[in-house]
Each structure stands twice: as C-alpha cells, then as structure tokens.
Amino acid sequence: MVFVTIDDGWTKDPTVLPFLAAHDIKVTAFLIGKVAVRTSPYWDALLSQGGLVEDHTVTHPFLAHRTLAEQKAEICPPLEDDQRLFGRRPTLFRPPYGSLDRTTVSAARDCGVSAVVLWDAVVQKGKLRRALRGPLQRGDIILLHWGPGLAGDLRALVGSLAASGLHSALLEDYLGPSPSLISTRGEPPAPASRAR
C-alpha cells in the first residue's frame, strides 16, 4: 500500500472526484481551514466516497520559528471547524511547505493531533518524484495538490501505481488516533516540490 495525500483545496475540479472513485484511490485531504469552511459541499462529496479531511492550518503559513502560541493559533482552529463541518475531528496534521520545528510538534500535540505527516514522493506536472531514487515503495506517502493540474497528476499517479503493483490506502488506517504518537515521514524531493 501507498498513501495518497492531496493538499490545500483551492481548486475543485469536478472531474477529480469521479476519477478517484473510478480508480478506487483512497485520499487523505490536508485542507487549509479557510478553504474547507468556504467550500464544504465539495469535501462532503469526497468524504462520501471514502476520503478523509485532515488539518493543514488556518491560513497556510510557514510555521518554523514561530512561537508556540502562533503555531497553535494556526493548527488548533481547523480541528474544531472540521468536526463541525464534517462530523469528524482531524487526527493528522501536515505543516505547509513542510515547514516545522520542535515547536510545531509541541503545538500539534497540544492541539490533540496524533501525527505530524510529511511525504516521501510528489506528483507535480505529470511527473512522480521520490525523495530517494527508484520506484514507489510500499508505505510511501505521496503528495499532490488540489490545483489546476490535479487531474493530469492523478492520471500519472495511476500509471505509476499500476507499474509498481501498489494500491492506495487511507493514511489514517495506519497512523491511528493515538495522542502519544507524533511522527514525521519523508522529505520533499526538492524545494520546488514543497507544498504551496
């Protein structure tokens, strides 16, 4: 299994959700809080086909080197908003741009998040790149973005999954809601591939 994660939420292409369903791709959506609140019907549809919404801050800032209070002000509010909107409190958090420090991990723990999650591979502009050379590996966390190119990136991902013999699973099924667990995985292949 690999884990397909899609960040941000700015673009809601109507072709994406049917594509995910047709290819049985399980998705963890790390949504910016303000975007999730404004456009919840789209995310309701994602949830109805088995996806889950997780935390990606209120406004998508760089978090490293900010105070604990500043980081908690970005991480904590979406947890309550998503509980209200979607009936489930997020258990995972991804820092925008992969920007984190020890304070970020403490802030996430204080907010009640179970794991801080990075990534092992990125699909961008129709190309899959891993932090380490070679094909996709079992357990890889794959990063994509809810942007204008997502449909093409998903087509490229389906090809990579078929070539590797891997299938997608929900990250939440493997990083369960244990409040004592704070874990980070992966590094971006290059600074240009960091989350927007």
N, C-alpha and C. Protein backbone atom coordinates (compact mmCIF):
# COMPACT_ATOMS: atom_id res chain seq x y z
N MET A 1 0.83 -1.19 0.00
CA MET A 1 0.00 0.00 0.00
C MET A 1 0.87 1.26 0.00
N VAL A 2 0.34 2.30 -0.64
CA VAL A 2 0.90 3.65 -0.53
C VAL A 2 -0.23 4.57 -0.08
N PHE A 3 0.13 5.78 0.29
CA PHE A 3 -0.84 6.71 0.84
C PHE A 3 -0.90 7.97 -0.01
N VAL A 4 -2.06 8.24 -0.59
CA VAL A 4 -2.25 9.39 -1.47
C VAL A 4 -2.81 10.53 -0.63
N THR A 5 -2.07 11.63 -0.59
CA THR A 5 -2.48 12.79 0.17
C THR A 5 -2.53 13.99 -0.79
N ILE A 6 -3.56 14.80 -0.64
CA ILE A 6 -3.73 15.96 -1.53
C ILE A 6 -3.92 17.18 -0.65
N ASP A 7 -3.10 18.20 -0.88
CA ASP A 7 -3.05 19.38 -0.02
C ASP A 7 -3.77 20.59 -0.58
N ASP A 8 -4.10 21.49 0.31
CA ASP A 8 -4.57 22.85 0.10
C ASP A 8 -6.08 22.92 -0.12
N GLY A 9 -6.57 22.83 -1.34
CA GLY A 9 -8.01 22.87 -1.58
C GLY A 9 -8.50 24.02 -2.43
N TRP A 10 -7.60 24.80 -3.00
CA TRP A 10 -8.03 25.98 -3.76
C TRP A 10 -8.87 25.63 -4.98
N THR A 11 -8.49 24.60 -5.73
CA THR A 11 -9.19 24.26 -6.97
C THR A 11 -9.99 22.99 -6.76
N LYS A 12 -11.26 23.03 -7.15
CA LYS A 12 -12.14 21.88 -7.00
C LYS A 12 -12.63 21.44 -8.38
N ASP A 13 -11.79 20.75 -9.11
CA ASP A 13 -12.09 20.26 -10.45
C ASP A 13 -13.20 19.21 -10.36
N PRO A 14 -14.31 19.39 -11.07
CA PRO A 14 -15.41 18.43 -10.97
C PRO A 14 -15.08 17.05 -11.54
N THR A 15 -14.00 16.93 -12.29
CA THR A 15 -13.63 15.61 -12.84
C THR A 15 -12.81 14.77 -11.87
N VAL A 16 -12.27 15.40 -10.84
CA VAL A 16 -11.34 14.70 -9.95
C VAL A 16 -12.02 13.65 -9.09
N LEU A 17 -13.12 14.01 -8.44
CA LEU A 17 -13.77 13.05 -7.55
C LEU A 17 -14.25 11.80 -8.29
N PRO A 18 -14.90 11.94 -9.46
CA PRO A 18 -15.26 10.72 -10.20
C PRO A 18 -14.04 9.89 -10.60
N PHE A 19 -12.92 10.54 -10.93
CA PHE A 19 -11.70 9.83 -11.29
C PHE A 19 -11.19 9.03 -10.09
N LEU A 20 -11.16 9.66 -8.94
CA LEU A 20 -10.71 8.95 -7.73
C LEU A 20 -11.58 7.74 -7.46
N ALA A 21 -12.89 7.90 -7.60
CA ALA A 21 -13.82 6.79 -7.35
C ALA A 21 -13.62 5.68 -8.38
N ALA A 22 -13.48 6.05 -9.65
CA ALA A 22 -13.34 5.04 -10.71
C ALA A 22 -12.08 4.21 -10.54
N HIS A 23 -11.02 4.81 -9.99
CA HIS A 23 -9.75 4.11 -9.82
C HIS A 23 -9.52 3.64 -8.39
N ASP A 24 -10.56 3.75 -7.56
CA ASP A 24 -10.51 3.29 -6.17
C ASP A 24 -9.28 3.84 -5.44
N ILE A 25 -9.04 5.15 -5.61
CA ILE A 25 -7.92 5.80 -4.93
C ILE A 25 -8.43 6.39 -3.63
N LYS A 26 -7.86 5.92 -2.54
CA LYS A 26 -8.20 6.43 -1.21
C LYS A 26 -7.37 7.68 -0.94
N VAL A 27 -8.02 8.75 -0.49
CA VAL A 27 -7.35 10.04 -0.37
C VAL A 27 -7.49 10.61 1.03
N THR A 28 -6.37 11.09 1.54
CA THR A 28 -6.37 11.94 2.72
C THR A 28 -6.15 13.36 2.23
N ALA A 29 -7.14 14.24 2.48
CA ALA A 29 -7.07 15.63 2.04
C ALA A 29 -6.62 16.50 3.21
N PHE A 30 -5.45 17.11 3.08
CA PHE A 30 -4.96 18.06 4.08
C PHE A 30 -5.41 19.44 3.61
N LEU A 31 -6.49 19.94 4.22
CA LEU A 31 -7.12 21.16 3.72
C LEU A 31 -6.78 22.38 4.57
N ILE A 32 -6.59 23.50 3.88
CA ILE A 32 -6.45 24.79 4.55
C ILE A 32 -7.81 25.11 5.18
N GLY A 33 -7.80 25.48 6.44
CA GLY A 33 -9.04 25.69 7.18
C GLY A 33 -10.02 26.64 6.52
N LYS A 34 -9.54 27.79 6.06
CA LYS A 34 -10.44 28.77 5.44
C LYS A 34 -11.07 28.23 4.17
N VAL A 35 -10.33 27.43 3.43
CA VAL A 35 -10.86 26.84 2.19
C VAL A 35 -11.92 25.79 2.51
N ALA A 36 -11.66 24.97 3.49
CA ALA A 36 -12.61 23.92 3.87
C ALA A 36 -13.94 24.52 4.30
N VAL A 37 -13.88 25.58 5.09
CA VAL A 37 -15.10 26.22 5.58
C VAL A 37 -15.91 26.81 4.43
N ARG A 38 -15.24 27.47 3.48
CA ARG A 38 -15.94 28.13 2.38
C ARG A 38 -16.53 27.15 1.37
N THR A 39 -15.93 25.98 1.23
CA THR A 39 -16.34 25.09 0.13
C THR A 39 -16.63 23.67 0.63
N SER A 40 -17.32 23.56 1.74
CA SER A 40 -17.51 22.24 2.33
C SER A 40 -18.33 21.26 1.47
N PRO A 41 -19.27 21.67 0.61
CA PRO A 41 -20.00 20.65 -0.18
C PRO A 41 -19.09 19.77 -1.04
N TYR A 42 -18.04 20.33 -1.60
CA TYR A 42 -17.10 19.53 -2.40
C TYR A 42 -16.44 18.47 -1.53
N TRP A 43 -16.05 18.87 -0.33
CA TRP A 43 -15.37 17.94 0.58
C TRP A 43 -16.35 16.91 1.13
N ASP A 44 -17.62 17.29 1.28
CA ASP A 44 -18.64 16.31 1.67
C ASP A 44 -18.69 15.18 0.64
N ALA A 45 -18.59 15.53 -0.64
CA ALA A 45 -18.60 14.51 -1.70
C ALA A 45 -17.38 13.61 -1.60
N LEU A 46 -16.22 14.19 -1.30
CA LEU A 46 -15.01 13.38 -1.12
C LEU A 46 -15.19 12.41 0.04
N LEU A 47 -15.75 12.89 1.13
CA LEU A 47 -15.97 12.04 2.30
C LEU A 47 -16.95 10.90 1.97
N SER A 48 -17.96 11.20 1.16
CA SER A 48 -18.96 10.18 0.85
C SER A 48 -18.38 9.02 0.05
N GLN A 49 -17.24 9.25 -0.61
CA GLN A 49 -16.61 8.15 -1.35
C GLN A 49 -15.38 7.59 -0.61
N GLY A 50 -15.30 7.87 0.68
CA GLY A 50 -14.28 7.21 1.50
C GLY A 50 -13.04 8.01 1.82
N GLY A 51 -12.94 9.25 1.34
CA GLY A 51 -11.79 10.08 1.68
C GLY A 51 -11.94 10.67 3.07
N LEU A 52 -10.89 11.27 3.57
CA LEU A 52 -10.93 11.94 4.87
C LEU A 52 -10.26 13.29 4.79
N VAL A 53 -10.70 14.21 5.64
CA VAL A 53 -10.15 15.56 5.71
C VAL A 53 -9.28 15.66 6.95
N GLU A 54 -8.08 16.20 6.77
CA GLU A 54 -7.15 16.43 7.87
C GLU A 54 -6.70 17.89 7.88
N ASP A 55 -5.89 18.26 8.85
CA ASP A 55 -5.53 19.65 9.15
C ASP A 55 -4.29 20.11 8.38
N HIS A 56 -4.40 21.33 7.81
CA HIS A 56 -3.28 21.94 7.08
C HIS A 56 -3.17 23.42 7.42
N THR A 57 -3.54 23.80 8.64
CA THR A 57 -3.53 25.15 9.20
C THR A 57 -4.73 25.98 8.73
N VAL A 58 -4.87 27.15 9.35
CA VAL A 58 -5.94 28.08 9.00
C VAL A 58 -5.61 28.82 7.72
N THR A 59 -4.37 29.34 7.61
CA THR A 59 -4.03 30.25 6.50
C THR A 59 -2.84 29.84 5.65
N HIS A 60 -2.20 28.69 5.95
CA HIS A 60 -1.09 28.16 5.15
C HIS A 60 0.21 28.95 5.26
N PRO A 61 0.66 29.27 6.48
CA PRO A 61 1.93 29.99 6.63
C PRO A 61 3.11 29.03 6.80
N PHE A 62 4.32 29.56 6.70
CA PHE A 62 5.50 28.85 7.18
C PHE A 62 5.41 28.84 8.70
N LEU A 63 5.55 27.69 9.33
CA LEU A 63 5.40 27.60 10.78
C LEU A 63 6.73 27.66 11.54
N ALA A 64 7.78 27.12 10.97
CA ALA A 64 9.06 27.05 11.69
C ALA A 64 9.46 28.44 12.20
N HIS A 65 9.98 28.48 13.40
CA HIS A 65 10.49 29.69 14.05
C HIS A 65 9.40 30.61 14.58
N ARG A 66 8.14 30.21 14.50
CA ARG A 66 7.07 30.97 15.15
C ARG A 66 6.92 30.49 16.60
N THR A 67 6.29 31.30 17.41
CA THR A 67 6.09 30.92 18.81
C THR A 67 5.08 29.78 18.92
N LEU A 68 5.06 29.16 20.08
CA LEU A 68 4.09 28.10 20.34
C LEU A 68 2.66 28.64 20.18
N ALA A 69 2.38 29.81 20.72
CA ALA A 69 1.03 30.39 20.63
C ALA A 69 0.65 30.65 19.17
N GLU A 70 1.58 31.18 18.40
CA GLU A 70 1.30 31.45 16.98
C GLU A 70 1.02 30.16 16.21
N GLN A 71 1.80 29.13 16.49
CA GLN A 71 1.60 27.87 15.78
C GLN A 71 0.28 27.21 16.19
N LYS A 72 -0.04 27.25 17.48
CA LYS A 72 -1.31 26.68 17.92
C LYS A 72 -2.49 27.44 17.30
N ALA A 73 -2.35 28.75 17.12
CA ALA A 73 -3.43 29.54 16.51
C ALA A 73 -3.69 29.12 15.07
N GLU A 74 -2.69 28.54 14.41
CA GLU A 74 -2.86 28.03 13.05
C GLU A 74 -3.34 26.57 13.02
N ILE A 75 -2.89 25.77 13.96
CA ILE A 75 -3.16 24.33 13.94
C ILE A 75 -4.50 23.97 14.60
N CYS A 76 -4.82 24.59 15.74
CA CYS A 76 -5.99 24.17 16.52
C CYS A 76 -7.35 24.50 15.89
N PRO A 77 -7.60 25.71 15.38
CA PRO A 77 -8.95 26.05 14.92
C PRO A 77 -9.54 25.12 13.85
N PRO A 78 -8.77 24.68 12.85
CA PRO A 78 -9.39 23.79 11.85
C PRO A 78 -9.90 22.47 12.44
N LEU A 79 -9.34 22.04 13.55
CA LEU A 79 -9.79 20.80 14.16
C LEU A 79 -11.25 20.92 14.60
N GLU A 80 -11.59 22.05 15.20
CA GLU A 80 -12.97 22.29 15.62
C GLU A 80 -13.88 22.54 14.43
N ASP A 81 -13.40 23.34 13.47
CA ASP A 81 -14.21 23.62 12.27
C ASP A 81 -14.53 22.35 11.51
N ASP A 82 -13.53 21.49 11.32
CA ASP A 82 -13.76 20.25 10.57
C ASP A 82 -14.68 19.30 11.32
N GLN A 83 -14.59 19.28 12.64
CA GLN A 83 -15.53 18.48 13.44
C GLN A 83 -16.96 18.95 13.18
N ARG A 84 -17.15 20.26 13.18
CA ARG A 84 -18.49 20.83 12.95
C ARG A 84 -18.96 20.58 11.52
N LEU A 85 -18.08 20.80 10.55
CA LEU A 85 -18.46 20.68 9.14
C LEU A 85 -18.66 19.24 8.69
N PHE A 86 -17.76 18.35 9.13
CA PHE A 86 -17.70 17.01 8.55
C PHE A 86 -18.00 15.89 9.54
N GLY A 87 -18.24 16.25 10.80
CA GLY A 87 -18.60 15.24 11.79
C GLY A 87 -17.44 14.40 12.28
N ARG A 88 -16.22 14.85 12.02
CA ARG A 88 -15.03 14.11 12.45
C ARG A 88 -13.91 15.10 12.72
N ARG A 89 -13.28 14.96 13.87
CA ARG A 89 -12.14 15.81 14.22
C ARG A 89 -10.89 15.23 13.58
N PRO A 90 -10.13 16.02 12.83
CA PRO A 90 -8.89 15.51 12.24
C PRO A 90 -7.93 14.97 13.30
N THR A 91 -7.19 13.95 12.91
CA THR A 91 -6.19 13.35 13.80
C THR A 91 -4.77 13.56 13.29
N LEU A 92 -4.65 14.00 12.02
CA LEU A 92 -3.33 14.19 11.40
C LEU A 92 -3.15 15.65 11.02
N PHE A 93 -1.90 16.07 10.99
CA PHE A 93 -1.57 17.45 10.61
C PHE A 93 -0.38 17.44 9.66
N ARG A 94 -0.47 18.24 8.60
CA ARG A 94 0.68 18.45 7.71
C ARG A 94 1.02 19.94 7.71
N PRO A 95 2.27 20.28 8.06
CA PRO A 95 2.67 21.68 8.03
C PRO A 95 2.85 22.16 6.60
N PRO A 96 2.31 23.34 6.26
CA PRO A 96 2.51 23.88 4.92
C PRO A 96 4.00 23.98 4.58
N TYR A 97 4.31 23.66 3.35
CA TYR A 97 5.68 23.71 2.82
C TYR A 97 6.62 22.72 3.51
N GLY A 98 6.10 21.88 4.38
CA GLY A 98 6.95 21.01 5.18
C GLY A 98 7.73 21.78 6.22
N SER A 99 7.30 23.02 6.51
CA SER A 99 8.00 23.90 7.44
C SER A 99 7.59 23.58 8.88
N LEU A 100 8.53 22.99 9.62
CA LEU A 100 8.25 22.65 11.01
C LEU A 100 9.52 22.68 11.83
N ASP A 101 9.32 22.76 13.12
CA ASP A 101 10.41 22.65 14.09
C ASP A 101 9.86 21.95 15.33
N ARG A 102 10.64 21.87 16.38
CA ARG A 102 10.17 21.19 17.59
C ARG A 102 8.90 21.84 18.15
N THR A 103 8.81 23.15 17.99
CA THR A 103 7.63 23.86 18.48
C THR A 103 6.38 23.42 17.72
N THR A 104 6.52 23.15 16.43
CA THR A 104 5.39 22.67 15.64
C THR A 104 4.87 21.35 16.19
N VAL A 105 5.77 20.45 16.50
CA VAL A 105 5.37 19.15 17.04
C VAL A 105 4.69 19.33 18.39
N SER A 106 5.21 20.22 19.23
CA SER A 106 4.58 20.51 20.52
C SER A 106 3.20 21.13 20.34
N ALA A 107 3.09 22.07 19.40
CA ALA A 107 1.80 22.73 19.15
C ALA A 107 0.77 21.71 18.66
N ALA A 108 1.17 20.84 17.76
CA ALA A 108 0.25 19.82 17.25
C ALA A 108 -0.19 18.90 18.37
N ARG A 109 0.73 18.51 19.22
CA ARG A 109 0.39 17.65 20.37
C ARG A 109 -0.59 18.37 21.29
N ASP A 110 -0.31 19.65 21.58
CA ASP A 110 -1.20 20.43 22.46
C ASP A 110 -2.60 20.57 21.87
N CYS A 111 -2.70 20.61 20.56
CA CYS A 111 -4.00 20.72 19.89
C CYS A 111 -4.74 19.38 19.85
N GLY A 112 -4.04 18.29 20.15
CA GLY A 112 -4.67 16.98 20.16
C GLY A 112 -4.48 16.18 18.89
N VAL A 113 -3.52 16.58 18.07
CA VAL A 113 -3.22 15.85 16.83
C VAL A 113 -2.40 14.60 17.15
N SER A 114 -2.66 13.52 16.44
CA SER A 114 -1.95 12.26 16.69
C SER A 114 -0.63 12.16 15.96
N ALA A 115 -0.52 12.76 14.77
CA ALA A 115 0.72 12.64 13.99
C ALA A 115 0.91 13.85 13.10
N VAL A 116 2.14 14.27 12.98
CA VAL A 116 2.55 15.30 12.03
C VAL A 116 3.15 14.56 10.84
N VAL A 117 2.60 14.81 9.65
CA VAL A 117 2.92 13.98 8.49
C VAL A 117 3.58 14.81 7.38
N LEU A 118 4.70 14.32 6.86
CA LEU A 118 5.32 14.91 5.68
C LEU A 118 5.06 13.98 4.50
N TRP A 119 6.05 13.75 3.63
CA TRP A 119 5.81 12.94 2.44
C TRP A 119 7.11 12.34 1.94
N ASP A 120 6.97 11.30 1.10
CA ASP A 120 8.11 10.60 0.51
C ASP A 120 8.24 10.85 -0.98
N ALA A 121 7.12 11.25 -1.62
CA ALA A 121 7.10 11.43 -3.07
C ALA A 121 6.11 12.54 -3.41
N VAL A 122 6.35 13.17 -4.55
CA VAL A 122 5.49 14.25 -5.04
C VAL A 122 5.10 13.94 -6.48
N VAL A 123 3.83 14.18 -6.82
CA VAL A 123 3.42 14.16 -8.21
C VAL A 123 3.08 15.60 -8.57
N GLN A 124 3.81 16.11 -9.57
CA GLN A 124 3.67 17.51 -9.97
C GLN A 124 3.96 17.62 -11.46
N LYS A 125 3.08 18.32 -12.18
CA LYS A 125 3.22 18.48 -13.63
C LYS A 125 3.35 17.13 -14.32
N GLY A 126 2.57 16.16 -13.86
CA GLY A 126 2.53 14.85 -14.50
C GLY A 126 3.72 13.95 -14.24
N LYS A 127 4.59 14.34 -13.32
CA LYS A 127 5.79 13.54 -13.01
C LYS A 127 5.81 13.17 -11.54
N LEU A 128 6.15 11.92 -11.28
CA LEU A 128 6.31 11.46 -9.91
C LEU A 128 7.79 11.47 -9.56
N ARG A 129 8.11 12.11 -8.42
CA ARG A 129 9.48 12.15 -7.93
C ARG A 129 9.50 11.72 -6.48
N ARG A 130 10.42 10.82 -6.17
CA ARG A 130 10.60 10.36 -4.79
C ARG A 130 11.80 11.07 -4.18
N ALA A 131 11.77 11.18 -2.86
CA ALA A 131 12.90 11.76 -2.15
C ALA A 131 14.14 10.89 -2.36
N LEU A 132 13.94 9.57 -2.41
CA LEU A 132 15.02 8.64 -2.69
C LEU A 132 14.83 8.08 -4.09
N ARG A 133 15.90 7.79 -4.79
CA ARG A 133 15.79 7.26 -6.16
C ARG A 133 15.05 5.93 -6.17
N GLY A 134 14.43 5.65 -7.32
CA GLY A 134 13.76 4.38 -7.50
C GLY A 134 12.26 4.52 -7.59
N PRO A 135 11.60 3.40 -7.85
CA PRO A 135 10.15 3.40 -8.00
C PRO A 135 9.45 3.56 -6.65
N LEU A 136 8.15 3.76 -6.71
CA LEU A 136 7.37 3.82 -5.48
C LEU A 136 7.62 2.58 -4.63
N GLN A 137 7.60 2.79 -3.34
CA GLN A 137 7.82 1.71 -2.38
C GLN A 137 6.59 1.57 -1.48
N ARG A 138 6.37 0.39 -0.99
CA ARG A 138 5.32 0.15 -0.02
C ARG A 138 5.49 1.12 1.15
N GLY A 139 4.39 1.77 1.54
CA GLY A 139 4.43 2.71 2.65
C GLY A 139 4.73 4.14 2.28
N ASP A 140 5.05 4.43 1.01
CA ASP A 140 5.32 5.81 0.60
C ASP A 140 4.08 6.68 0.80
N ILE A 141 4.33 7.90 1.28
CA ILE A 141 3.28 8.91 1.38
C ILE A 141 3.48 9.85 0.19
N ILE A 142 2.45 9.95 -0.64
CA ILE A 142 2.55 10.70 -1.90
C ILE A 142 1.78 12.01 -1.77
N LEU A 143 2.43 13.10 -2.16
CA LEU A 143 1.86 14.44 -2.08
C LEU A 143 1.41 14.93 -3.45
N LEU A 144 0.16 15.40 -3.52
CA LEU A 144 -0.37 16.12 -4.68
C LEU A 144 -1.06 17.37 -4.14
N HIS A 145 -1.57 18.21 -5.05
CA HIS A 145 -2.25 19.44 -4.64
C HIS A 145 -3.59 19.59 -5.36
N TRP A 146 -4.59 20.11 -4.63
CA TRP A 146 -5.88 20.46 -5.23
C TRP A 146 -5.66 21.73 -6.04
N GLY A 147 -5.07 21.59 -7.22
CA GLY A 147 -4.79 22.72 -8.09
C GLY A 147 -5.23 22.42 -9.50
N PRO A 148 -4.99 23.34 -10.43
CA PRO A 148 -5.44 23.16 -11.82
C PRO A 148 -4.89 21.92 -12.50
N GLY A 149 -3.72 21.43 -12.12
CA GLY A 149 -3.13 20.27 -12.78
C GLY A 149 -3.42 18.94 -12.11
N LEU A 150 -4.32 18.91 -11.12
CA LEU A 150 -4.52 17.69 -10.35
C LEU A 150 -5.01 16.52 -11.19
N ALA A 151 -5.92 16.75 -12.12
CA ALA A 151 -6.44 15.64 -12.93
C ALA A 151 -5.31 14.95 -13.69
N GLY A 152 -4.41 15.72 -14.31
CA GLY A 152 -3.28 15.14 -15.03
C GLY A 152 -2.31 14.44 -14.09
N ASP A 153 -2.09 15.03 -12.91
CA ASP A 153 -1.20 14.40 -11.93
C ASP A 153 -1.77 13.06 -11.45
N LEU A 154 -3.08 13.00 -11.29
CA LEU A 154 -3.70 11.74 -10.87
C LEU A 154 -3.57 10.68 -11.96
N ARG A 155 -3.70 11.06 -13.22
CA ARG A 155 -3.50 10.09 -14.31
C ARG A 155 -2.08 9.55 -14.27
N ALA A 156 -1.10 10.42 -14.05
CA ALA A 156 0.29 9.97 -13.95
C ALA A 156 0.46 9.05 -12.74
N LEU A 157 -0.18 9.36 -11.64
CA LEU A 157 -0.08 8.53 -10.45
C LEU A 157 -0.66 7.15 -10.69
N VAL A 158 -1.80 7.08 -11.36
CA VAL A 158 -2.42 5.78 -11.65
C VAL A 158 -1.46 4.92 -12.46
N GLY A 159 -0.77 5.52 -13.42
CA GLY A 159 0.23 4.77 -14.20
C GLY A 159 1.36 4.25 -13.33
N SER A 160 1.83 5.08 -12.41
CA SER A 160 2.91 4.66 -11.50
C SER A 160 2.45 3.56 -10.56
N LEU A 161 1.22 3.67 -10.08
CA LEU A 161 0.69 2.62 -9.20
C LEU A 161 0.58 1.29 -9.94
N ALA A 162 0.07 1.36 -11.17
CA ALA A 162 -0.07 0.13 -11.96
C ALA A 162 1.29 -0.50 -12.22
N ALA A 163 2.29 0.32 -12.54
CA ALA A 163 3.63 -0.21 -12.83
C ALA A 163 4.27 -0.83 -11.60
N SER A 164 3.94 -0.31 -10.43
CA SER A 164 4.56 -0.80 -9.20
C SER A 164 3.78 -1.93 -8.53
N GLY A 165 2.54 -2.14 -8.97
CA GLY A 165 1.69 -3.16 -8.33
C GLY A 165 1.19 -2.75 -6.96
N LEU A 166 1.23 -1.44 -6.67
CA LEU A 166 0.78 -0.94 -5.38
C LEU A 166 -0.63 -0.37 -5.47
N HIS A 167 -1.31 -0.30 -4.33
CA HIS A 167 -2.65 0.27 -4.24
C HIS A 167 -2.65 1.31 -3.14
N SER A 168 -3.65 2.19 -3.18
CA SER A 168 -3.72 3.22 -2.14
C SER A 168 -4.54 2.74 -0.95
N ALA A 169 -4.18 3.27 0.20
CA ALA A 169 -4.92 3.02 1.45
C ALA A 169 -5.01 4.35 2.18
N LEU A 170 -5.93 4.44 3.11
CA LEU A 170 -6.04 5.65 3.91
C LEU A 170 -4.91 5.70 4.94
N LEU A 171 -4.25 6.81 4.98
CA LEU A 171 -3.16 7.03 5.94
C LEU A 171 -3.66 6.84 7.37
N GLU A 172 -4.89 7.27 7.62
CA GLU A 172 -5.47 7.20 8.95
C GLU A 172 -5.58 5.77 9.46
N ASP A 173 -5.73 4.81 8.55
CA ASP A 173 -5.82 3.41 8.96
C ASP A 173 -4.50 2.88 9.51
N TYR A 174 -3.41 3.56 9.18
CA TYR A 174 -2.08 3.11 9.60
C TYR A 174 -1.45 4.03 10.64
N LEU A 175 -1.90 5.29 10.68
CA LEU A 175 -1.46 6.23 11.72
C LEU A 175 -2.70 6.55 12.54
N GLY A 176 -3.09 5.62 13.38
CA GLY A 176 -4.32 5.75 14.14
C GLY A 176 -4.28 6.89 15.15
N PRO A 177 -5.43 7.21 15.73
CA PRO A 177 -5.53 8.36 16.63
C PRO A 177 -5.00 8.06 18.04
N SER A 178 -3.71 7.87 18.16
CA SER A 178 -3.08 7.68 19.46
C SER A 178 -2.44 9.00 19.87
N PRO A 179 -2.98 9.69 20.88
CA PRO A 179 -2.48 11.03 21.22
C PRO A 179 -0.98 11.06 21.55
N SER A 180 -0.40 9.93 21.89
CA SER A 180 1.02 9.95 22.25
C SER A 180 1.94 9.87 21.03
N LEU A 181 1.37 9.59 19.86
CA LEU A 181 2.20 9.40 18.67
C LEU A 181 2.35 10.71 17.91
N ILE A 182 3.56 11.16 17.78
CA ILE A 182 3.86 12.27 16.88
C ILE A 182 4.96 11.76 15.97
N SER A 183 4.65 11.62 14.68
CA SER A 183 5.67 11.08 13.80
C SER A 183 5.76 11.91 12.54
N THR A 184 6.94 11.99 11.98
CA THR A 184 7.11 12.65 10.70
C THR A 184 7.73 11.67 9.74
N ARG A 185 7.35 11.77 8.50
CA ARG A 185 7.91 10.88 7.47
C ARG A 185 8.36 11.72 6.30
N GLY A 186 9.39 11.26 5.66
CA GLY A 186 9.76 11.75 4.34
C GLY A 186 10.32 13.15 4.31
N GLU A 187 10.89 13.46 3.21
CA GLU A 187 11.38 14.78 2.89
C GLU A 187 11.00 15.05 1.45
N PRO A 188 10.77 16.30 1.11
CA PRO A 188 10.42 16.61 -0.27
C PRO A 188 11.59 16.34 -1.19
N PRO A 189 11.32 15.91 -2.43
CA PRO A 189 12.41 15.65 -3.36
C PRO A 189 13.26 16.89 -3.64
N ALA A 190 12.66 18.07 -3.65
CA ALA A 190 13.41 19.29 -3.91
C ALA A 190 12.60 20.45 -3.39
N PRO A 191 13.24 21.57 -3.03
CA PRO A 191 12.47 22.70 -2.52
C PRO A 191 11.32 23.13 -3.43
N ALA A 192 11.51 23.03 -4.74
CA ALA A 192 10.46 23.45 -5.67
C ALA A 192 9.21 22.59 -5.55
N SER A 193 9.35 21.40 -5.00
CA SER A 193 8.20 20.50 -4.92
C SER A 193 7.46 20.61 -3.59
N ARG A 194 7.90 21.50 -2.74
CA ARG A 194 7.22 21.65 -1.45
C ARG A 194 5.78 22.12 -1.67
N ALA A 195 4.92 21.85 -0.67
CA ALA A 195 3.52 22.23 -0.76
C ALA A 195 3.39 23.72 -0.97
N ARG A 196 2.34 24.12 -1.70
CA ARG A 196 2.12 25.53 -1.96
C ARG A 196 1.40 26.20 -0.82
